[in-house]
Protein backbone atom coordinates (compact mmCIF):
# COMPACT_ATOMS: atom_id res chain seq x y z
CA UNK A 1 -0.03 0.06 -0.01
CA UNK A 2 1.27 3.53 -0.40
CA UNK A 3 2.62 5.69 2.39
CA UNK A 4 -0.43 7.38 3.23
CA UNK A 5 -3.96 5.97 3.53
CA UNK A 6 -5.54 5.90 0.17
CA UNK A 7 -8.84 7.45 0.84
CA UNK A 8 -11.63 8.30 -1.67
CA UNK A 9 -10.43 11.73 -2.72
CA UNK A 10 -6.74 10.69 -3.50
CA UNK A 11 -7.86 7.49 -5.36
CA UNK A 12 -9.99 9.67 -7.42
CA UNK A 13 -7.21 11.81 -8.23
CA UNK A 14 -4.78 9.51 -8.97
CA UNK A 15 -7.06 7.69 -11.07
CA UNK A 16 -8.38 10.69 -12.90
CA UNK A 17 -11.89 10.36 -11.61
CA UNK A 18 -14.51 12.22 -9.49
CA UNK A 19 -15.08 10.49 -6.03
CA UNK A 20 -18.61 10.06 -7.22
CA UNK A 21 -17.45 7.79 -9.90
CA UNK A 22 -15.51 5.72 -7.43
CA UNK A 23 -18.88 5.30 -5.21
CA UNK A 24 -20.61 4.53 -8.61
CA UNK A 25 -18.15 1.83 -9.19
CA UNK A 26 -18.70 0.37 -5.85
CA UNK A 27 -22.37 0.27 -6.18
CA UNK A 28 -22.12 -0.97 -9.56
CA UNK A 29 -19.88 -4.03 -8.59
CA UNK A 30 -16.89 -2.87 -10.72
CA UNK A 31 -14.91 -2.29 -7.41
CA UNK A 32 -15.39 -4.20 -4.28
CA UNK A 33 -16.42 -2.34 -0.92
CA UNK A 34 -13.39 -1.11 0.59
CA UNK A 35 -12.39 -1.38 3.97
CA UNK A 36 -13.31 1.76 6.52
CA UNK A 37 -11.84 3.34 8.98
CA UNK A 38 -12.81 3.66 12.58
CA UNK A 39 -14.22 7.46 11.63
CA UNK A 40 -16.14 5.62 8.70
CA UNK A 41 -13.88 6.93 5.93
CA UNK A 42 -13.30 4.56 3.09
CA UNK A 43 -9.57 3.30 2.37
CA UNK A 44 -8.58 1.73 -0.54
CA UNK A 45 -5.40 -0.38 -1.81
CA UNK A 46 -3.12 -0.19 -4.88
CA UNK A 47 -5.56 -3.05 -6.39
CA UNK A 48 -8.43 -0.42 -6.26
CA UNK A 49 -6.19 2.31 -8.10
CA UNK A 50 -5.01 -0.51 -10.84
CA UNK A 51 -8.61 -1.44 -11.11
CA UNK A 52 -10.08 2.02 -11.63
CA UNK A 53 -7.21 2.65 -14.02
CA UNK A 54 -8.28 -0.52 -15.84
CA UNK A 55 -11.64 0.50 -16.12
CA UNK A 56 -11.17 4.00 -17.51
CA UNK A 57 -8.67 2.74 -20.11
CA UNK A 58 -11.22 0.03 -21.15
CA UNK A 59 -13.77 3.06 -21.40
CA UNK A 60 -11.55 4.81 -23.59
CA UNK A 61 -11.48 2.09 -26.10
CA UNK A 62 -15.09 1.92 -26.20
CA UNK A 63 -15.95 -0.80 -23.70
CA UNK A 64 -19.32 -0.44 -21.62
CA UNK A 65 -19.40 -0.76 -18.05
CA UNK A 66 -20.97 -4.03 -18.50
CA UNK A 67 -18.68 -5.71 -20.67
CA UNK A 68 -15.82 -4.22 -18.42
CA UNK A 69 -17.59 -5.96 -15.43
CA UNK A 70 -17.91 -9.22 -17.62
CA UNK A 71 -14.06 -9.10 -18.65
CA UNK A 72 -13.11 -8.51 -14.59
CA UNK A 73 -15.02 -11.38 -13.79
CA UNK A 74 -13.02 -13.55 -16.49
CA UNK A 75 -10.23 -12.95 -14.73
CA UNK A 76 -7.79 -15.73 -14.45
CA UNK A 77 -10.11 -18.06 -16.14
CA UNK A 78 -7.15 -19.00 -18.78
CA UNK A 79 -6.95 -19.04 -22.45
CA UNK A 80 -11.22 -18.96 -22.71
CA UNK A 81 -11.14 -15.70 -20.83
CA UNK A 82 -8.53 -14.48 -23.86
CA UNK A 83 -10.74 -15.52 -26.47
CA UNK A 84 -13.39 -14.03 -24.66
CA UNK A 85 -11.96 -10.57 -24.30
CA UNK A 86 -10.57 -10.44 -28.05
CA UNK A 87 -14.46 -11.51 -29.36
CA UNK A 88 -15.56 -8.55 -27.09
CA UNK A 89 -12.65 -6.07 -28.44
CA UNK A 90 -13.44 -7.21 -32.31
CA UNK A 91 -17.44 -6.44 -31.70
CA UNK A 92 -16.32 -3.24 -30.18
CA UNK A 93 -13.88 -2.30 -32.80
CA UNK A 94 -16.50 -3.10 -35.33
CA UNK A 95 -18.83 -0.82 -33.79
CA UNK A 96 -16.42 2.13 -33.69
CA UNK A 97 -15.68 1.65 -37.46
CA UNK A 98 -19.35 1.67 -38.24
CA UNK A 99 -19.89 4.87 -36.10
CA UNK A 100 -16.74 6.35 -37.90
CA UNK A 101 -18.20 5.47 -41.27
CA UNK A 102 -21.52 7.30 -40.12
CA UNK A 103 -19.84 10.51 -38.71
CA UNK A 104 -19.20 12.43 -42.04
CA UNK A 105 -23.10 12.30 -42.87
CA UNK A 106 -24.06 13.27 -39.19
CA UNK A 107 -21.55 16.28 -39.66
CA UNK A 108 -23.25 17.33 -42.88
CA UNK A 109 -26.69 16.92 -41.35
CA UNK A 110 -25.89 19.01 -38.42
CA UNK A 111 -24.35 21.68 -40.60
CA UNK A 112 -27.47 21.75 -42.85
CA UNK A 113 -29.75 21.96 -39.59
CA UNK A 114 -27.23 24.75 -38.26
CA UNK A 115 -27.47 26.73 -41.60
CA UNK A 116 -31.41 26.13 -41.81
CA UNK A 117 -31.43 27.67 -37.89
CA UNK A 118 -29.22 30.55 -39.10
CA UNK A 119 -31.49 31.30 -42.27
CA UNK A 120 -34.67 31.15 -40.15
CA UNK A 121 -32.99 33.27 -37.32
CA UNK A 122 -31.95 36.04 -39.69
CA UNK A 123 -35.62 36.03 -40.91
CA UNK A 124 -37.50 36.02 -37.65
CA UNK A 125 -35.30 39.15 -36.82
CA UNK A 126 -37.36 40.76 -39.76
CA UNK A 127 -40.58 40.07 -37.93
CA UNK A 128 -41.20 36.28 -39.33
CA UNK A 129 -42.08 33.87 -36.83
CA UNK A 130 -39.63 30.84 -36.01
CA UNK A 131 -41.20 27.47 -36.33
CA UNK A 132 -39.44 24.36 -36.06
CA UNK A 133 -41.42 21.52 -37.39
């Protein structure tokens, strides 16, 4: 363990999340319930820090919290675990590629909508009533 007790604020700071996120991970079962000091403060170990960092990295790669929980529950089960995680990663990558292909169309549509709104606003400034049908 670290030299100082790893309280929730420090764990949050070291892992780049807010304390509310740590509490959410606990409620969701992504983090085990921590030990508590006599004062009631939560106290964490280095394993909790590693786990929160893993969760954040997995989220950045596009995994949902449900998928992350599933991956963590498979930990230590050998080659079958690796195959399962690879399969999940391939599916996540496929979804990401699909989203990337759709982004230019979404961008064009958003730009068209903005142009329309700007035109309507310009007309409304001249006494015309705006309608968003």
